[in-house]
């Protein structure tokens, strides 16, 4: 996944990306609250730690 934020591109194959949806977006994504995409070498535990981050 690649994402553009303020003119800078982030590639989830290099940097983990966590997206947290607001109430309206949850409706668009069938109730999904969060989405994470991370490099392949990240373990399940590393991904879970990012996913559990409070923002």
PDB file of N, CA and C in Angstrom:
ATOM      1  N   UNK A   1       0.853  -1.167   0.000  1.00  0.00           N
ATOM      2  CA  UNK A   1       0.000   0.000   0.000  1.00  0.00           C
ATOM      3  C   UNK A   1       0.899   1.229   0.000  1.00  0.00           C
ATOM      4  N   UNK A   2       0.517   2.177  -0.775  1.00  0.00           N
ATOM      5  CA  UNK A   2       1.188   3.476  -0.718  1.00  0.00           C
ATOM      6  C   UNK A   2       0.143   4.513  -0.347  1.00  0.00           C
ATOM      7  N   UNK A   3       0.565   5.469   0.473  1.00  0.00           N
ATOM      8  CA  UNK A   3      -0.350   6.506   0.942  1.00  0.00           C
ATOM      9  C   UNK A   3       0.370   7.851   0.839  1.00  0.00           C
ATOM     10  N   UNK A   4      -0.356   8.861   0.421  1.00  0.00           N
ATOM     11  CA  UNK A   4       0.197  10.207   0.265  1.00  0.00           C
ATOM     12  C   UNK A   4      -0.329  11.074   1.398  1.00  0.00           C
ATOM     13  N   UNK A   5       0.589  11.644   2.192  1.00  0.00           N
ATOM     14  CA  UNK A   5       0.222  12.530   3.298  1.00  0.00           C
ATOM     15  C   UNK A   5       1.056  13.795   3.174  1.00  0.00           C
ATOM     16  N   UNK A   6       0.380  14.923   3.018  1.00  0.00           N
ATOM     17  CA  UNK A   6       1.066  16.221   2.892  1.00  0.00           C
ATOM     18  C   UNK A   6       2.205  16.191   1.882  1.00  0.00           C
ATOM     19  N   UNK A   7       1.959  15.557   0.738  1.00  0.00           N
ATOM     20  CA  UNK A   7       2.942  15.536  -0.341  1.00  0.00           C
ATOM     21  C   UNK A   7       4.045  14.502  -0.177  1.00  0.00           C
ATOM     22  N   UNK A   8       4.003  13.708   0.889  1.00  0.00           N
ATOM     23  CA  UNK A   8       5.016  12.674   1.097  1.00  0.00           C
ATOM     24  C   UNK A   8       4.368  11.302   0.948  1.00  0.00           C
ATOM     25  N   UNK A   9       5.026  10.439   0.180  1.00  0.00           N
ATOM     26  CA  UNK A   9       4.512   9.100  -0.057  1.00  0.00           C
ATOM     27  C   UNK A   9       5.122   8.141   0.957  1.00  0.00           C
ATOM     28  N   UNK A  10       4.262   7.335   1.582  1.00  0.00           N
ATOM     29  CA  UNK A  10       4.691   6.288   2.492  1.00  0.00           C
ATOM     30  C   UNK A  10       4.315   4.946   1.863  1.00  0.00           C
ATOM     31  N   UNK A  11       5.256   4.010   1.866  1.00  0.00           N
ATOM     32  CA  UNK A  11       5.055   2.695   1.284  1.00  0.00           C
ATOM     33  C   UNK A  11       5.058   1.669   2.411  1.00  0.00           C
ATOM     34  N   UNK A  12       3.969   0.931   2.553  1.00  0.00           N
ATOM     35  CA  UNK A  12       3.857   0.006   3.681  1.00  0.00           C
ATOM     36  C   UNK A  12       4.788  -1.190   3.563  1.00  0.00           C
ATOM     37  N   UNK A  13       5.454  -1.359   2.426  1.00  0.00           N
ATOM     38  CA  UNK A  13       6.464  -2.408   2.339  1.00  0.00           C
ATOM     39  C   UNK A  13       7.753  -1.968   3.018  1.00  0.00           C
ATOM     40  N   UNK A  14       7.832  -0.677   3.353  1.00  0.00           N
ATOM     41  CA  UNK A  14       9.011  -0.128   4.019  1.00  0.00           C
ATOM     42  C   UNK A  14       8.683   0.408   5.421  1.00  0.00           C
ATOM     43  N   UNK A  15       7.506   1.003   5.573  1.00  0.00           N
ATOM     44  CA  UNK A  15       7.084   1.635   6.820  1.00  0.00           C
ATOM     45  C   UNK A  15       5.681   1.154   7.158  1.00  0.00           C
ATOM     46  N   UNK A  16       5.444   0.706   8.392  1.00  0.00           N
ATOM     47  CA  UNK A  16       4.089   0.274   8.739  1.00  0.00           C
ATOM     48  C   UNK A  16       3.097   1.442   8.666  1.00  0.00           C
ATOM     49  N   UNK A  17       1.895   1.124   8.199  1.00  0.00           N
ATOM     50  CA  UNK A  17       0.841   2.130   8.065  1.00  0.00           C
ATOM     51  C   UNK A  17      -0.371   1.646   8.851  1.00  0.00           C
ATOM     52  N   UNK A  18      -0.858   2.475   9.767  1.00  0.00           N
ATOM     53  CA  UNK A  18      -2.071   2.181  10.524  1.00  0.00           C
ATOM     54  C   UNK A  18      -3.108   3.238  10.170  1.00  0.00           C
ATOM     55  N   UNK A  19      -4.269   2.782   9.756  1.00  0.00           N
ATOM     56  CA  UNK A  19      -5.367   3.692   9.427  1.00  0.00           C
ATOM     57  C   UNK A  19      -6.493   3.431  10.423  1.00  0.00           C
ATOM     58  N   UNK A  20      -6.976   4.490  11.061  1.00  0.00           N
ATOM     59  CA  UNK A  20      -8.101   4.388  12.000  1.00  0.00           C
ATOM     60  C   UNK A  20      -9.262   5.152  11.380  1.00  0.00           C
ATOM     61  N   UNK A  21     -10.367   4.454  11.174  1.00  0.00           N
ATOM     62  CA  UNK A  21     -11.514   5.036  10.500  1.00  0.00           C
ATOM     63  C   UNK A  21     -12.431   5.756  11.482  1.00  0.00           C
ATOM     64  N   UNK A  22     -13.024   6.871  11.022  1.00  0.00           N
ATOM     65  CA  UNK A  22     -14.027   7.557  11.830  1.00  0.00           C
ATOM     66  C   UNK A  22     -15.383   6.874  11.613  1.00  0.00           C
ATOM     67  N   UNK A  23     -16.400   7.351  12.286  1.00  0.00           N
ATOM     68  CA  UNK A  23     -17.714   6.702  12.241  1.00  0.00           C
ATOM     69  C   UNK A  23     -18.274   6.597  10.823  1.00  0.00           C
ATOM     70  N   UNK A  24     -18.145   7.657  10.030  1.00  0.00           N
ATOM     71  CA  UNK A  24     -18.661   7.628   8.659  1.00  0.00           C
ATOM     72  C   UNK A  24     -17.878   6.651   7.791  1.00  0.00           C
ATOM     73  N   UNK A  25     -16.573   6.601   7.975  1.00  0.00           N
ATOM     74  CA  UNK A  25     -15.735   5.690   7.192  1.00  0.00           C
ATOM     75  C   UNK A  25     -16.006   4.237   7.581  1.00  0.00           C
ATOM     76  N   UNK A  26     -16.308   4.000   8.851  1.00  0.00           N
ATOM     77  CA  UNK A  26     -16.641   2.642   9.285  1.00  0.00           C
ATOM     78  C   UNK A  26     -17.821   2.102   8.487  1.00  0.00           C
ATOM     79  N   UNK A  27     -18.786   2.964   8.191  1.00  0.00           N
ATOM     80  CA  UNK A  27     -19.942   2.543   7.393  1.00  0.00           C
ATOM     81  C   UNK A  27     -19.507   2.152   5.989  1.00  0.00           C
ATOM     82  N   UNK A  28     -18.565   2.886   5.426  1.00  0.00           N
ATOM     83  CA  UNK A  28     -18.074   2.583   4.082  1.00  0.00           C
ATOM     84  C   UNK A  28     -17.288   1.279   4.033  1.00  0.00           C
ATOM     85  N   UNK A  29     -16.637   0.938   5.145  1.00  0.00           N
ATOM     86  CA  UNK A  29     -15.769  -0.234   5.189  1.00  0.00           C
ATOM     87  C   UNK A  29     -16.356  -1.352   6.063  1.00  0.00           C
ATOM     88  N   UNK A  30     -17.687  -1.484   6.017  1.00  0.00           N
ATOM     89  CA  UNK A  30     -18.390  -2.583   6.679  1.00  0.00           C
ATOM     90  C   UNK A  30     -18.030  -2.737   8.155  1.00  0.00           C
ATOM     91  N   UNK A  31     -17.923  -1.632   8.866  1.00  0.00           N
ATOM     92  CA  UNK A  31     -17.688  -1.668  10.303  1.00  0.00           C
ATOM     93  C   UNK A  31     -16.228  -1.781  10.714  1.00  0.00           C
ATOM     94  N   UNK A  32     -15.318  -1.840   9.743  1.00  0.00           N
ATOM     95  CA  UNK A  32     -13.899  -1.941  10.086  1.00  0.00           C
ATOM     96  C   UNK A  32     -13.462  -0.686  10.827  1.00  0.00           C
ATOM     97  N   UNK A  33     -12.797  -0.866  11.972  1.00  0.00           N
ATOM     98  CA  UNK A  33     -12.359   0.263  12.782  1.00  0.00           C
ATOM     99  C   UNK A  33     -10.938   0.690  12.453  1.00  0.00           C
ATOM    100  N   UNK A  34     -10.068  -0.304  12.189  1.00  0.00           N
ATOM    101  CA  UNK A  34      -8.658  -0.030  11.919  1.00  0.00           C
ATOM    102  C   UNK A  34      -8.168  -0.941  10.807  1.00  0.00           C
ATOM    103  N   UNK A  35      -7.106  -0.495  10.142  1.00  0.00           N
ATOM    104  CA  UNK A  35      -6.448  -1.310   9.124  1.00  0.00           C
ATOM    105  C   UNK A  35      -4.950  -1.093   9.260  1.00  0.00           C
ATOM    106  N   UNK A  36      -4.182  -2.164   9.223  1.00  0.00           N
ATOM    107  CA  UNK A  36      -2.734  -2.048   9.280  1.00  0.00           C
ATOM    108  C   UNK A  36      -2.123  -2.775   8.092  1.00  0.00           C
ATOM    109  N   UNK A  37      -1.102  -2.152   7.542  1.00  0.00           N
ATOM    110  CA  UNK A  37      -0.290  -2.770   6.509  1.00  0.00           C
ATOM    111  C   UNK A  37       1.159  -2.522   6.905  1.00  0.00           C
ATOM    112  N   UNK A  38       1.954  -3.592   6.933  1.00  0.00           N
ATOM    113  CA  UNK A  38       3.336  -3.479   7.413  1.00  0.00           C
ATOM    114  C   UNK A  38       4.251  -4.331   6.532  1.00  0.00           C
ATOM    115  N   UNK A  39       5.550  -4.041   6.580  1.00  0.00           N
ATOM    116  CA  UNK A  39       6.507  -4.847   5.814  1.00  0.00           C
ATOM    117  C   UNK A  39       6.393  -6.337   6.166  1.00  0.00           C
ATOM    118  N   UNK A  40       6.709  -7.196   5.210  1.00  0.00           N
ATOM    119  CA  UNK A  40       6.572  -8.643   5.387  1.00  0.00           C
ATOM    120  C   UNK A  40       7.373  -9.183   6.555  1.00  0.00           C
ATOM    121  N   UNK A  41       8.502  -8.559   6.872  1.00  0.00           N
ATOM    122  CA  UNK A  41       9.356  -9.096   7.935  1.00  0.00           C
ATOM    123  C   UNK A  41       8.826  -8.798   9.342  1.00  0.00           C
ATOM    124  N   UNK A  42       7.769  -8.006   9.458  1.00  0.00           N
ATOM    125  CA  UNK A  42       7.184  -7.727  10.771  1.00  0.00           C
ATOM    126  C   UNK A  42       6.473  -8.988  11.271  1.00  0.00           C
ATOM    127  N   UNK A  43       6.662  -9.285  12.545  1.00  0.00           N
ATOM    128  CA  UNK A  43       5.993 -10.441  13.143  1.00  0.00           C
ATOM    129  C   UNK A  43       4.552 -10.074  13.494  1.00  0.00           C
ATOM    130  N   UNK A  44       3.792 -11.105  13.821  1.00  0.00           N
ATOM    131  CA  UNK A  44       2.405 -10.881  14.248  1.00  0.00           C
ATOM    132  C   UNK A  44       2.392  -9.996  15.493  1.00  0.00           C
ATOM    133  N   UNK A  45       3.328 -10.240  16.403  1.00  0.00           N
ATOM    134  CA  UNK A  45       3.404  -9.454  17.637  1.00  0.00           C
ATOM    135  C   UNK A  45       3.718  -7.988  17.347  1.00  0.00           C
ATOM    136  N   UNK A  46       4.621  -7.736  16.411  1.00  0.00           N
ATOM    137  CA  UNK A  46       4.956  -6.353  16.049  1.00  0.00           C
ATOM    138  C   UNK A  46       3.755  -5.651  15.425  1.00  0.00           C
ATOM    139  N   UNK A  47       3.048  -6.357  14.561  1.00  0.00           N
ATOM    140  CA  UNK A  47       1.851  -5.784  13.931  1.00  0.00           C
ATOM    141  C   UNK A  47       0.776  -5.505  14.979  1.00  0.00           C
ATOM    142  N   UNK A  48       0.601  -6.436  15.922  1.00  0.00           N
ATOM    143  CA  UNK A  48      -0.421  -6.277  16.956  1.00  0.00           C
ATOM    144  C   UNK A  48      -0.103  -5.079  17.842  1.00  0.00           C
ATOM    145  N   UNK A  49       1.166  -4.886  18.172  1.00  0.00           N
ATOM    146  CA  UNK A  49       1.565  -3.748  19.000  1.00  0.00           C
ATOM    147  C   UNK A  49       1.194  -2.438  18.307  1.00  0.00           C
ATOM    148  N   UNK A  50       1.435  -2.352  17.012  1.00  0.00           N
ATOM    149  CA  UNK A  50       1.080  -1.150  16.254  1.00  0.00           C
ATOM    150  C   UNK A  50      -0.438  -0.997  16.236  1.00  0.00           C
ATOM    151  N   UNK A  51      -1.142  -2.098  15.960  1.00  0.00           N
ATOM    152  CA  UNK A  51      -2.595  -2.081  15.879  1.00  0.00           C
ATOM    153  C   UNK A  51      -3.220  -1.604  17.184  1.00  0.00           C
ATOM    154  N   UNK A  52      -2.634  -1.977  18.307  1.00  0.00           N
ATOM    155  CA  UNK A  52      -3.161  -1.623  19.628  1.00  0.00           C
ATOM    156  C   UNK A  52      -2.791  -0.218  20.075  1.00  0.00           C
ATOM    157  N   UNK A  53      -1.998   0.494  19.299  1.00  0.00           N
ATOM    158  CA  UNK A  53      -1.574   1.858  19.652  1.00  0.00           C
ATOM    159  C   UNK A  53      -2.789   2.776  19.748  1.00  0.00           C
ATOM    160  N   UNK A  54      -2.881   3.498  20.838  1.00  0.00           N
ATOM    161  CA  UNK A  54      -3.958   4.493  21.007  1.00  0.00           C
ATOM    162  C   UNK A  54      -3.502   5.812  20.408  1.00  0.00           C
ATOM    163  N   UNK A  55      -4.332   6.368  19.562  1.00  0.00           N
ATOM    164  CA  UNK A  55      -4.004   7.660  18.922  1.00  0.00           C
ATOM    165  C   UNK A  55      -5.064   8.668  19.299  1.00  0.00           C
TER     166      UNK A  55
END
